Amino acid sequence: MKIVPFKTEAHINSLQGKMDEITVLEVIGDNLYLVDYKGVKCTAIFNWYVCAYYADDIYGRRN
Protein backbone atom coordinates (compact mmCIF):
# COMPACT_ATOMS: atom_id res chain seq x y z
CA MET A 1 0.00 0.00 0.00
CA LYS A 2 1.24 3.47 -0.85
CA ILE A 3 1.69 6.11 1.79
CA VAL A 4 -0.77 8.95 1.33
CA PRO A 5 -0.93 11.58 -0.06
CA PHE A 6 0.03 10.67 -3.61
CA LYS A 7 -1.00 11.63 -7.13
CA THR A 8 -2.47 9.15 -9.58
CA GLU A 9 -4.88 8.89 -12.49
CA ALA A 10 -8.58 8.14 -11.96
CA HIS A 11 -11.84 7.82 -13.85
CA ILE A 12 -13.81 10.99 -12.97
CA ASN A 13 -17.61 10.92 -12.64
CA SER A 14 -18.19 14.47 -13.96
CA LEU A 15 -16.08 13.64 -17.03
CA GLN A 16 -18.25 10.60 -17.82
CA GLY A 17 -15.43 8.26 -16.84
CA LYS A 18 -12.56 9.97 -18.63
CA MET A 19 -9.21 9.92 -16.85
CA ASP A 20 -7.62 12.85 -15.02
CA GLU A 21 -5.18 13.35 -12.16
CA ILE A 22 -6.29 13.14 -8.52
CA THR A 23 -4.48 13.34 -5.20
CA VAL A 24 -5.31 10.56 -2.75
CA LEU A 25 -5.39 12.25 0.66
CA GLU A 26 -6.34 9.46 3.06
CA VAL A 27 -7.96 6.07 3.47
CA ILE A 28 -11.38 6.56 5.09
CA GLY A 29 -12.80 3.05 4.90
CA ASP A 30 -12.48 -0.39 3.40
CA ASN A 31 -11.55 0.49 -0.20
CA LEU A 32 -12.86 4.05 0.26
CA TYR A 33 -10.55 7.03 -0.18
CA LEU A 34 -10.71 10.78 0.33
CA VAL A 35 -9.27 12.43 -2.76
CA ASP A 36 -8.76 15.91 -4.15
CA TYR A 37 -9.79 16.57 -7.74
CA LYS A 38 -9.11 20.14 -8.87
CA GLY A 39 -9.82 21.55 -5.41
CA VAL A 40 -12.89 19.38 -4.78
CA LYS A 41 -12.58 16.87 -1.96
CA CYS A 42 -14.57 13.76 -2.78
CA THR A 43 -14.64 10.00 -2.33
CA ALA A 44 -13.10 7.41 -4.59
CA ILE A 45 -12.87 3.65 -4.76
CA PHE A 46 -10.18 1.41 -6.22
CA ASN A 47 -11.23 -1.36 -8.59
CA TRP A 48 -8.75 -4.21 -8.07
CA TYR A 49 -9.87 -6.05 -11.23
CA VAL A 50 -8.88 -3.23 -13.58
CA CYS A 51 -6.37 -1.55 -11.21
CA ALA A 52 -7.98 1.88 -11.47
CA TYR A 53 -9.43 4.53 -9.17
CA TYR A 54 -12.95 5.90 -9.68
CA ALA A 55 -13.55 9.36 -8.17
CA ASP A 56 -17.10 10.61 -7.59
CA ASP A 57 -16.85 14.39 -7.68
CA ILE A 58 -20.63 14.76 -8.14
CA TYR A 59 -22.31 12.67 -5.43
CA GLY A 60 -19.27 11.92 -3.26
CA ARG A 61 -18.32 15.48 -2.34
CA ARG A 62 -16.92 15.98 1.15
CA ASN A 63 -16.31 19.18 3.10
PDB file of N, CA and C in Angstrom:
ATOM      1  N   MET A   1       0.842  -1.183   0.000  1.00  0.00           N
ATOM      2  CA  MET A   1       0.000   0.000   0.000  1.00  0.00           C
ATOM      3  C   MET A   1       0.887   1.246   0.000  1.00  0.00           C
ATOM      4  N   LYS A   2       0.482   2.226  -0.775  1.00  0.00           N
ATOM      5  CA  LYS A   2       1.240   3.472  -0.845  1.00  0.00           C
ATOM      6  C   LYS A   2       0.922   4.345   0.361  1.00  0.00           C
ATOM      7  N   ILE A   3       1.883   5.148   0.716  1.00  0.00           N
ATOM      8  CA  ILE A   3       1.685   6.107   1.793  1.00  0.00           C
ATOM      9  C   ILE A   3       1.024   7.344   1.201  1.00  0.00           C
ATOM     10  N   VAL A   4      -0.038   7.795   1.827  1.00  0.00           N
ATOM     11  CA  VAL A   4      -0.769   8.952   1.327  1.00  0.00           C
ATOM     12  C   VAL A   4      -0.136  10.222   1.854  1.00  0.00           C
ATOM     13  N   PRO A   5      -0.253  11.354   1.224  1.00  0.00           N
ATOM     14  CA  PRO A   5      -0.926  11.580  -0.056  1.00  0.00           C
ATOM     15  C   PRO A   5      -0.031  11.244  -1.251  1.00  0.00           C
ATOM     16  N   PHE A   6      -0.682  10.910  -2.362  1.00  0.00           N
ATOM     17  CA  PHE A   6       0.031  10.670  -3.609  1.00  0.00           C
ATOM     18  C   PHE A   6      -0.884  10.999  -4.788  1.00  0.00           C
ATOM     19  N   LYS A   7      -0.270  11.307  -5.905  1.00  0.00           N
ATOM     20  CA  LYS A   7      -1.002  11.635  -7.126  1.00  0.00           C
ATOM     21  C   LYS A   7      -1.100  10.397  -7.997  1.00  0.00           C
ATOM     22  N   THR A   8      -2.246  10.260  -8.670  1.00  0.00           N
ATOM     23  CA  THR A   8      -2.466   9.148  -9.584  1.00  0.00           C
ATOM     24  C   THR A   8      -3.566   9.531 -10.569  1.00  0.00           C
ATOM     25  N   GLU A   9      -3.805   8.689 -11.526  1.00  0.00           N
ATOM     26  CA  GLU A   9      -4.879   8.891 -12.494  1.00  0.00           C
ATOM     27  C   GLU A   9      -6.139   8.187 -12.004  1.00  0.00           C
ATOM     28  N   ALA A  10      -7.313   8.736 -12.351  1.00  0.00           N
ATOM     29  CA  ALA A  10      -8.580   8.135 -11.957  1.00  0.00           C
ATOM     30  C   ALA A  10      -9.637   8.424 -13.016  1.00  0.00           C
ATOM     31  N   HIS A  11     -10.644   7.569 -13.049  1.00  0.00           N
ATOM     32  CA  HIS A  11     -11.839   7.819 -13.846  1.00  0.00           C
ATOM     33  C   HIS A  11     -12.683   8.811 -13.048  1.00  0.00           C
ATOM     34  N   ILE A  12     -13.102   9.915 -13.661  1.00  0.00           N
ATOM     35  CA  ILE A  12     -13.812  10.991 -12.971  1.00  0.00           C
ATOM     36  C   ILE A  12     -15.280  10.975 -13.373  1.00  0.00           C
ATOM     37  N   ASN A  13     -16.177  10.995 -12.377  1.00  0.00           N
ATOM     38  CA  ASN A  13     -17.607  10.917 -12.641  1.00  0.00           C
ATOM     39  C   ASN A  13     -18.098  12.081 -13.510  1.00  0.00           C
ATOM     40  N   SER A  14     -17.707  13.317 -13.202  1.00  0.00           N
ATOM     41  CA  SER A  14     -18.191  14.473 -13.960  1.00  0.00           C
ATOM     42  C   SER A  14     -17.661  14.513 -15.391  1.00  0.00           C
ATOM     43  N   LEU A  15     -16.635  13.722 -15.666  1.00  0.00           N
ATOM     44  CA  LEU A  15     -16.079  13.644 -17.030  1.00  0.00           C
ATOM     45  C   LEU A  15     -16.581  12.399 -17.753  1.00  0.00           C
ATOM     46  N   GLN A  16     -17.660  11.809 -17.249  1.00  0.00           N
ATOM     47  CA  GLN A  16     -18.250  10.601 -17.822  1.00  0.00           C
ATOM     48  C   GLN A  16     -17.230   9.461 -17.914  1.00  0.00           C
ATOM     49  N   GLY A  17     -16.379   9.364 -16.917  1.00  0.00           N
ATOM     50  CA  GLY A  17     -15.429   8.263 -16.840  1.00  0.00           C
ATOM     51  C   GLY A  17     -14.076   8.501 -17.488  1.00  0.00           C
ATOM     52  N   LYS A  18     -13.881   9.674 -18.054  1.00  0.00           N
ATOM     53  CA  LYS A  18     -12.562   9.973 -18.633  1.00  0.00           C
ATOM     54  C   LYS A  18     -11.542  10.132 -17.511  1.00  0.00           C
ATOM     55  N   MET A  19     -10.288   9.897 -17.842  1.00  0.00           N
ATOM     56  CA  MET A  19      -9.213   9.924 -16.851  1.00  0.00           C
ATOM     57  C   MET A  19      -8.671  11.334 -16.638  1.00  0.00           C
ATOM     58  N   ASP A  20      -8.299  11.613 -15.376  1.00  0.00           N
ATOM     59  CA  ASP A  20      -7.617  12.850 -15.021  1.00  0.00           C
ATOM     60  C   ASP A  20      -6.860  12.590 -13.720  1.00  0.00           C
ATOM     61  N   GLU A  21      -6.008  13.522 -13.345  1.00  0.00           N
ATOM     62  CA  GLU A  21      -5.177  13.347 -12.159  1.00  0.00           C
ATOM     63  C   GLU A  21      -5.922  13.709 -10.888  1.00  0.00           C
ATOM     64  N   ILE A  22      -5.762  12.870  -9.853  1.00  0.00           N
ATOM     65  CA  ILE A  22      -6.291  13.140  -8.520  1.00  0.00           C
ATOM     66  C   ILE A  22      -5.152  13.036  -7.519  1.00  0.00           C
ATOM     67  N   THR A  23      -5.397  13.534  -6.312  1.00  0.00           N
ATOM     68  CA  THR A  23      -4.480  13.340  -5.201  1.00  0.00           C
ATOM     69  C   THR A  23      -5.225  12.552  -4.137  1.00  0.00           C
ATOM     70  N   VAL A  24      -4.724  11.375  -3.820  1.00  0.00           N
ATOM     71  CA  VAL A  24      -5.312  10.565  -2.755  1.00  0.00           C
ATOM     72  C   VAL A  24      -4.807  11.127  -1.434  1.00  0.00           C
ATOM     73  N   LEU A  25      -5.738  11.587  -0.587  1.00  0.00           N
ATOM     74  CA  LEU A  25      -5.388  12.250   0.661  1.00  0.00           C
ATOM     75  C   LEU A  25      -5.337  11.294   1.845  1.00  0.00           C
ATOM     76  N   GLU A  26      -6.334  10.411   1.946  1.00  0.00           N
ATOM     77  CA  GLU A  26      -6.338   9.462   3.059  1.00  0.00           C
ATOM     78  C   GLU A  26      -7.298   8.311   2.791  1.00  0.00           C
ATOM     79  N   VAL A  27      -7.064   7.231   3.511  1.00  0.00           N
ATOM     80  CA  VAL A  27      -7.956   6.074   3.471  1.00  0.00           C
ATOM     81  C   VAL A  27      -9.017   6.314   4.528  1.00  0.00           C
ATOM     82  N   ILE A  28     -10.309   6.278   4.132  1.00  0.00           N
ATOM     83  CA  ILE A  28     -11.383   6.558   5.094  1.00  0.00           C
ATOM     84  C   ILE A  28     -12.274   5.347   5.343  1.00  0.00           C
ATOM     85  N   GLY A  29     -12.001   4.251   4.696  1.00  0.00           N
ATOM     86  CA  GLY A  29     -12.796   3.048   4.904  1.00  0.00           C
ATOM     87  C   GLY A  29     -12.204   1.889   4.126  1.00  0.00           C
ATOM     88  N   ASP A  30     -12.912   0.787   4.139  1.00  0.00           N
ATOM     89  CA  ASP A  30     -12.480  -0.386   3.396  1.00  0.00           C
ATOM     90  C   ASP A  30     -12.661  -0.107   1.905  1.00  0.00           C
ATOM     91  N   ASN A  31     -11.559   0.136   1.220  1.00  0.00           N
ATOM     92  CA  ASN A  31     -11.550   0.490  -0.199  1.00  0.00           C
ATOM     93  C   ASN A  31     -12.294   1.802  -0.483  1.00  0.00           C
ATOM     94  N   LEU A  32     -12.260   2.730   0.442  1.00  0.00           N
ATOM     95  CA  LEU A  32     -12.857   4.053   0.263  1.00  0.00           C
ATOM     96  C   LEU A  32     -11.799   5.092   0.595  1.00  0.00           C
ATOM     97  N   TYR A  33     -11.627   6.051  -0.296  1.00  0.00           N
ATOM     98  CA  TYR A  33     -10.546   7.025  -0.176  1.00  0.00           C
ATOM     99  C   TYR A  33     -11.096   8.441  -0.264  1.00  0.00           C
ATOM    100  N   LEU A  34     -10.455   9.357   0.468  1.00  0.00           N
ATOM    101  CA  LEU A  34     -10.714  10.780   0.329  1.00  0.00           C
ATOM    102  C   LEU A  34      -9.680  11.303  -0.649  1.00  0.00           C
ATOM    103  N   VAL A  35     -10.168  11.928  -1.729  1.00  0.00           N
ATOM    104  CA  VAL A  35      -9.267  12.427  -2.763  1.00  0.00           C
ATOM    105  C   VAL A  35      -9.559  13.885  -3.058  1.00  0.00           C
ATOM    106  N   ASP A  36      -8.607  14.533  -3.692  1.00  0.00           N
ATOM    107  CA  ASP A  36      -8.760  15.909  -4.153  1.00  0.00           C
ATOM    108  C   ASP A  36      -8.701  15.903  -5.673  1.00  0.00           C
ATOM    109  N   TYR A  37      -9.760  16.431  -6.288  1.00  0.00           N
ATOM    110  CA  TYR A  37      -9.785  16.575  -7.740  1.00  0.00           C
ATOM    111  C   TYR A  37     -10.045  18.037  -8.073  1.00  0.00           C
ATOM    112  N   LYS A  38      -9.026  18.725  -8.505  1.00  0.00           N
ATOM    113  CA  LYS A  38      -9.107  20.145  -8.871  1.00  0.00           C
ATOM    114  C   LYS A  38      -9.751  20.988  -7.775  1.00  0.00           C
ATOM    115  N   GLY A  39      -9.317  20.768  -6.536  1.00  0.00           N
ATOM    116  CA  GLY A  39      -9.817  21.551  -5.411  1.00  0.00           C
ATOM    117  C   GLY A  39     -11.087  21.020  -4.782  1.00  0.00           C
ATOM    118  N   VAL A  40     -11.670  19.980  -5.330  1.00  0.00           N
ATOM    119  CA  VAL A  40     -12.886  19.377  -4.783  1.00  0.00           C
ATOM    120  C   VAL A  40     -12.497  18.120  -4.027  1.00  0.00           C
ATOM    121  N   LYS A  41     -12.828  18.074  -2.742  1.00  0.00           N
ATOM    122  CA  LYS A  41     -12.581  16.868  -1.964  1.00  0.00           C
ATOM    123  C   LYS A  41     -13.788  15.951  -2.132  1.00  0.00           C
ATOM    124  N   CYS A  42     -13.510  14.711  -2.519  1.00  0.00           N
ATOM    125  CA  CYS A  42     -14.573  13.757  -2.781  1.00  0.00           C
ATOM    126  C   CYS A  42     -14.086  12.351  -2.481  1.00  0.00           C
ATOM    127  N   THR A  43     -14.990  11.395  -2.590  1.00  0.00           N
ATOM    128  CA  THR A  43     -14.637  10.004  -2.329  1.00  0.00           C
ATOM    129  C   THR A  43     -14.246   9.305  -3.626  1.00  0.00           C
ATOM    130  N   ALA A  44     -13.499   8.238  -3.461  1.00  0.00           N
ATOM    131  CA  ALA A  44     -13.097   7.409  -4.585  1.00  0.00           C
ATOM    132  C   ALA A  44     -12.986   5.967  -4.116  1.00  0.00           C
ATOM    133  N   ILE A  45     -13.111   5.058  -5.040  1.00  0.00           N
ATOM    134  CA  ILE A  45     -12.869   3.648  -4.760  1.00  0.00           C
ATOM    135  C   ILE A  45     -11.780   3.168  -5.702  1.00  0.00           C
ATOM    136  N   PHE A  46     -11.189   2.025  -5.354  1.00  0.00           N
ATOM    137  CA  PHE A  46     -10.182   1.414  -6.216  1.00  0.00           C
ATOM    138  C   PHE A  46     -10.722   0.086  -6.690  1.00  0.00           C
ATOM    139  N   ASN A  47     -10.768  -0.112  -8.005  1.00  0.00           N
ATOM    140  CA  ASN A  47     -11.229  -1.362  -8.591  1.00  0.00           C
ATOM    141  C   ASN A  47     -10.016  -2.249  -8.815  1.00  0.00           C
ATOM    142  N   TRP A  48      -9.901  -3.320  -8.019  1.00  0.00           N
ATOM    143  CA  TRP A  48      -8.754  -4.215  -8.067  1.00  0.00           C
ATOM    144  C   TRP A  48      -8.712  -5.037  -9.349  1.00  0.00           C
ATOM    145  N   TYR A  49      -9.842  -5.236 -10.005  1.00  0.00           N
ATOM    146  CA  TYR A  49      -9.870  -6.049 -11.229  1.00  0.00           C
ATOM    147  C   TYR A  49      -9.256  -5.326 -12.411  1.00  0.00           C
ATOM    148  N   VAL A  50      -9.441  -4.018 -12.469  1.00  0.00           N
ATOM    149  CA  VAL A  50      -8.878  -3.235 -13.580  1.00  0.00           C
ATOM    150  C   VAL A  50      -7.744  -2.321 -13.123  1.00  0.00           C
ATOM    151  N   CYS A  51      -7.446  -2.358 -11.811  1.00  0.00           N
ATOM    152  CA  CYS A  51      -6.368  -1.548 -11.215  1.00  0.00           C
ATOM    153  C   CYS A  51      -6.529  -0.066 -11.527  1.00  0.00           C
ATOM    154  N   ALA A  52      -7.702   0.477 -11.197  1.00  0.00           N
ATOM    155  CA  ALA A  52      -7.978   1.882 -11.473  1.00  0.00           C
ATOM    156  C   ALA A  52      -8.827   2.486 -10.358  1.00  0.00           C
ATOM    157  N   TYR A  53      -8.616   3.775 -10.110  1.00  0.00           N
ATOM    158  CA  TYR A  53      -9.431   4.528  -9.171  1.00  0.00           C
ATOM    159  C   TYR A  53     -10.625   5.123  -9.900  1.00  0.00           C
ATOM    160  N   TYR A  54     -11.739   5.257  -9.175  1.00  0.00           N
ATOM    161  CA  TYR A  54     -12.946   5.897  -9.679  1.00  0.00           C
ATOM    162  C   TYR A  54     -13.339   6.964  -8.677  1.00  0.00           C
ATOM    163  N   ALA A  55     -13.256   8.233  -9.062  1.00  0.00           N
ATOM    164  CA  ALA A  55     -13.552   9.356  -8.174  1.00  0.00           C
ATOM    165  C   ALA A  55     -14.938   9.905  -8.478  1.00  0.00           C
ATOM    166  N   ASP A  56     -15.736  10.090  -7.434  1.00  0.00           N
ATOM    167  CA  ASP A  56     -17.096  10.611  -7.588  1.00  0.00           C
ATOM    168  C   ASP A  56     -17.146  12.056  -7.113  1.00  0.00           C
ATOM    169  N   ASP A  57     -16.861  12.978  -8.017  1.00  0.00           N
ATOM    170  CA  ASP A  57     -16.848  14.391  -7.680  1.00  0.00           C
ATOM    171  C   ASP A  57     -18.228  15.039  -7.802  1.00  0.00           C
ATOM    172  N   ILE A  58     -19.254  14.243  -8.081  1.00  0.00           N
ATOM    173  CA  ILE A  58     -20.628  14.762  -8.143  1.00  0.00           C
ATOM    174  C   ILE A  58     -21.389  14.411  -6.864  1.00  0.00           C
ATOM    175  N   TYR A  59     -21.520  13.115  -6.573  1.00  0.00           N
ATOM    176  CA  TYR A  59     -22.309  12.669  -5.426  1.00  0.00           C
ATOM    177  C   TYR A  59     -21.462  12.364  -4.199  1.00  0.00           C
ATOM    178  N   GLY A  60     -20.152  12.258  -4.366  1.00  0.00           N
ATOM    179  CA  GLY A  60     -19.272  11.916  -3.260  1.00  0.00           C
ATOM    180  C   GLY A  60     -18.518  13.090  -2.673  1.00  0.00           C
ATOM    181  N   ARG A  61     -19.017  14.290  -2.870  1.00  0.00           N
ATOM    182  CA  ARG A  61     -18.319  15.480  -2.341  1.00  0.00           C
ATOM    183  C   ARG A  61     -18.282  15.464  -0.826  1.00  0.00           C
ATOM    184  N   ARG A  62     -17.130  15.878  -0.290  1.00  0.00           N
ATOM    185  CA  ARG A  62     -16.924  15.982   1.155  1.00  0.00           C
ATOM    186  C   ARG A  62     -16.451  17.392   1.476  1.00  0.00           C
ATOM    187  N   ASN A  63     -16.755  17.846   2.678  1.00  0.00           N
ATOM    188  CA  ASN A  63     -16.311  19.183   3.104  1.00  0.00           C
ATOM    189  C   ASN A  63     -14.949  19.144   3.687  1.00  0.00           C
TER     190      ASN A  63
END
